[in-house]
Protein backbone atom coordinates (compact mmCIF):
# COMPACT_ATOMS: atom_id res chain seq x y z
CA MET A 1 -123.52 50.33 59.94
CA HIS A 2 -125.50 51.74 57.33
CA HIS A 3 -128.81 53.16 58.27
CA LEU A 4 -132.14 53.77 55.99
CA PRO A 5 -133.09 57.05 56.18
CA ARG A 6 -136.65 57.23 57.95
CA ARG A 7 -139.69 58.57 56.15
CA PRO A 8 -141.50 61.35 57.75
CA ALA A 9 -145.08 60.33 58.68
CA ALA A 10 -146.62 62.59 55.89
CA ALA A 11 -144.83 60.67 53.29
CA LEU A 12 -146.03 57.95 54.80
CA GLY A 13 -149.69 59.19 54.67
CA ALA A 14 -149.61 60.09 51.23
CA LEU A 15 -148.43 56.60 50.20
CA ALA A 16 -151.53 55.20 52.24
CA LEU A 17 -153.80 56.99 50.30
CA ALA A 18 -151.93 56.43 46.86
CA SER A 19 -152.73 52.57 47.84
CA VAL A 20 -155.86 52.90 48.75
CA ALA A 21 -156.75 55.12 45.68
CA LEU A 22 -155.27 52.68 43.58
CA LEU A 23 -157.41 49.64 44.91
CA ALA A 24 -160.56 51.43 44.64
CA ALA A 25 -159.33 51.94 41.20
CA CYS A 26 -159.12 48.36 40.21
CA ASP A 27 -162.35 47.86 42.44
CA ALA A 28 -164.00 50.16 39.54
CA ALA A 29 -162.79 47.66 36.72
CA ALA A 30 -164.35 44.30 38.71
CA PRO A 31 -167.34 43.40 36.32
CA ALA A 32 -170.68 44.21 38.16
CA PRO A 33 -172.67 41.98 39.07
CA THR A 34 -175.18 39.78 37.13
CA PRO A 35 -178.37 41.98 36.90
CA PRO A 36 -182.16 41.03 38.22
CA VAL A 37 -183.53 39.02 34.98
CA GLU A 38 -187.21 40.43 34.70
CA PRO A 39 -188.86 37.10 33.50
CA GLY A 40 -190.73 36.77 30.22
CA THR A 41 -194.59 36.97 29.82
CA ALA A 42 -197.16 35.97 26.84
CA ALA A 43 -197.67 39.69 26.39
CA ASP A 44 -194.46 40.30 26.84
CA PRO A 45 -191.74 37.49 26.30
CA ARG A 46 -187.51 38.30 27.01
CA GLU A 47 -185.29 38.06 24.25
CA VAL A 48 -182.54 35.46 24.03
CA ASN A 49 -179.94 35.38 21.68
CA ILE A 50 -178.22 31.81 20.85
CA VAL A 51 -175.75 31.91 18.00
CA ALA A 52 -174.34 28.82 16.09
CA ARG A 53 -171.32 28.49 14.52
CA ASP A 54 -169.15 26.28 13.65
CA TYR A 55 -169.04 23.67 15.70
CA ALA A 56 -170.21 25.66 19.07
CA TYR A 57 -173.18 27.75 20.45
CA VAL A 58 -172.17 31.36 21.80
CA PRO A 59 -172.95 32.42 24.69
CA ALA A 60 -171.22 29.23 26.49
CA VAL A 61 -174.46 28.69 28.72
CA VAL A 62 -178.21 29.86 28.44
CA ASP A 63 -180.28 31.38 31.24
CA LEU A 64 -183.76 31.03 31.18
CA VAL A 65 -186.13 30.99 34.00
CA PRO A 66 -189.14 27.94 34.44
CA GLY A 67 -192.52 29.45 33.03
CA GLU A 68 -191.08 31.79 31.57
CA THR A 69 -191.78 32.84 28.04
CA VAL A 70 -188.68 33.80 25.56
CA VAL A 71 -188.42 34.89 22.37
CA LEU A 72 -185.01 32.83 20.99
CA HIS A 73 -183.30 34.44 18.53
CA VAL A 74 -181.39 31.53 16.95
CA VAL A 75 -178.59 32.77 14.50
CA ASN A 76 -176.45 30.98 12.15
CA GLY A 77 -173.22 32.42 12.28
CA GLY A 78 -171.52 29.24 10.54
CA LEU A 79 -171.35 27.97 7.33
CA ASP A 80 -172.71 24.82 8.09
CA ILE A 81 -176.79 24.62 8.30
CA HIS A 82 -176.83 23.92 11.89
CA GLU A 83 -179.59 23.52 14.32
CA ALA A 84 -180.61 24.75 17.83
CA ILE A 85 -182.52 21.82 19.93
CA VAL A 86 -183.86 23.30 23.61
CA ALA A 87 -184.35 20.13 25.54
CA ASP A 88 -183.57 18.13 28.40
CA LEU A 89 -181.16 15.36 28.11
CA ASP A 90 -183.70 12.36 26.96
CA ASP A 91 -184.90 14.46 24.15
CA GLN A 92 -181.17 15.35 23.34
CA LEU A 93 -180.64 12.13 23.08
CA ALA A 94 -183.64 10.99 21.19
CA TRP A 95 -183.08 13.80 18.30
CA GLU A 96 -179.79 12.01 17.87
CA ALA A 97 -180.72 8.51 17.26
CA ALA A 98 -183.67 10.06 14.85
CA GLU A 99 -181.18 12.55 13.36
CA ALA A 100 -178.43 9.53 13.15
CA ALA A 101 -180.90 7.44 10.95
CA HIS A 102 -180.12 10.22 8.31
CA ALA A 103 -176.74 10.91 7.78
CA ASP A 104 -175.50 10.79 4.66
CA PRO A 105 -178.74 12.31 3.13
CA PRO A 106 -178.67 13.43 -0.60
CA PRO A 107 -177.65 16.89 -1.58
CA GLY A 108 -181.01 19.19 -0.94
CA PRO A 109 -183.21 20.14 2.41
CA THR A 110 -182.46 18.94 5.86
CA PRO A 111 -184.72 15.77 6.29
CA THR A 112 -187.80 15.88 7.82
CA VAL A 113 -187.65 14.35 11.38
CA ASP A 114 -190.59 13.72 13.72
CA GLU A 115 -190.24 14.94 16.95
CA PRO A 116 -189.62 12.54 19.84
CA VAL A 117 -192.52 11.46 21.98
CA GLY A 118 -193.93 13.86 24.98
CA TRP A 119 -191.49 16.81 23.59
CA ASP A 120 -191.87 19.97 25.24
CA GLY A 121 -189.00 21.86 23.87
CA VAL A 122 -188.28 23.84 21.00
CA ARG A 123 -186.54 23.64 17.63
CA ALA A 124 -184.77 25.80 15.00
CA VAL A 125 -182.94 24.75 11.96
CA THR A 126 -181.13 27.52 10.68
CA ALA A 127 -179.09 27.74 7.41
CA SER A 128 -175.88 30.06 7.10
CA GLY A 129 -176.05 33.69 7.78
CA GLU A 130 -179.76 32.85 8.58
CA ARG A 131 -182.18 33.80 11.68
CA ILE A 132 -185.13 32.29 13.01
CA ASP A 133 -187.06 33.95 16.22
CA ILE A 134 -189.01 31.55 17.95
CA THR A 135 -191.55 32.53 21.11
CA TRP A 136 -191.79 29.21 23.17
CA THR A 137 -192.82 29.14 26.94
CA VAL A 138 -189.83 27.28 29.12
CA PRO A 139 -191.96 24.40 31.19
CA ALA A 140 -192.44 25.45 34.74
CA ASP A 141 -190.82 21.94 35.63
CA ALA A 142 -187.48 21.67 33.71
CA ALA A 143 -185.46 22.55 36.08
CA ALA A 144 -186.17 19.02 38.06
CA ALA A 145 -185.71 17.21 34.87
CA PRO A 146 -182.73 14.74 35.92
CA GLY A 147 -179.67 15.16 33.82
CA GLY A 148 -180.76 18.65 32.93
CA TRP A 149 -181.50 20.80 30.00
CA PHE A 150 -179.41 21.77 26.68
CA VAL A 151 -179.16 23.48 23.59
CA GLY A 152 -177.96 20.90 20.91
CA CYS A 153 -177.23 20.27 17.21
CA HIS A 154 -177.96 16.58 16.21
CA ILE A 155 -177.15 17.53 12.18
CA PRO A 156 -175.09 14.44 11.69
CA GLY A 157 -171.94 14.65 13.36
CA HIS A 158 -172.20 17.75 15.01
CA TRP A 159 -173.29 16.75 18.41
CA ASP A 160 -170.52 14.67 18.31
CA LYS A 161 -167.80 17.59 17.26
CA GLY A 162 -169.35 19.26 20.44
CA MET A 163 -172.30 21.05 19.74
CA VAL A 164 -174.47 21.04 22.68
CA MET A 165 -174.43 23.73 25.36
CA PRO A 166 -176.26 23.88 29.20
CA VAL A 167 -179.15 25.76 29.98
CA ARG A 168 -178.72 26.97 33.15
CA PHE A 169 -181.71 27.52 35.32
CA ILE A 170 -182.02 30.96 37.56
CA ASP A 171 -184.86 32.64 39.57
CA ARG A 172 -185.72 36.58 38.59
CA ASP A 173 -182.57 37.58 40.73
CA GLY A 174 -180.92 36.35 38.16
CA THR A 175 -179.67 33.41 41.25
CA PRO A 176 -179.11 29.73 39.23
CA LEU A 177 -181.38 27.35 40.81
CA ALA A 178 -178.48 25.07 40.33
CA PRO A 179 -175.13 25.07 38.54
CA PRO A 180 -175.85 23.78 34.84
CA PRO A 181 -175.31 20.32 34.38
CA ALA A 182 -172.17 19.37 32.58
CA VAL A 183 -172.43 18.36 28.88
CA PRO A 184 -172.97 14.64 28.42
CA VAL A 185 -169.89 12.35 27.42
CA GLY A 186 -169.45 11.55 23.88
CA SER A 187 -171.00 15.04 22.58
CA GLY A 188 -167.14 15.64 21.82
CA GLY A 189 -167.79 18.49 24.48
CA GLY A 190 -167.45 16.62 27.69
């Protein structure tokens, strides 16, 4: 019968300390919690970046505080012309229908499309490599919109390729008021 050698208590204690140190090092590498958000005001708007690519946006979700004023920095990092429409689902669908009428336009500038009735969102159309800055106040009741809010591109075909991302409304502590809405079916992203 073979007996395993007994380890002295000091060796076991050292092993326990090493395990604790290893766990502490792992905790140090964990991502930090989202910091509180200082909602923007008319005098001091919060900066929000939206990067359009061929055919997606970065980040994957935009966090906004209802009623705050923001400066949207919309950057087109793609090769095609893109737009960023920040609006509720009903307005997104209205833009999609309005711009569908301009599918296959002749070469030249993007056709002018009238804003939907009751529109309270914001729109930026950007050429490849262009940046547009827009100061905008998020509607105070935006978080209550049925269907949620999104950033979408309605250049014909882009929405169907999945160029849409949800808006998540948060409070000043960074706590979501609700989960971000699901990407609409038929947008290529859902």
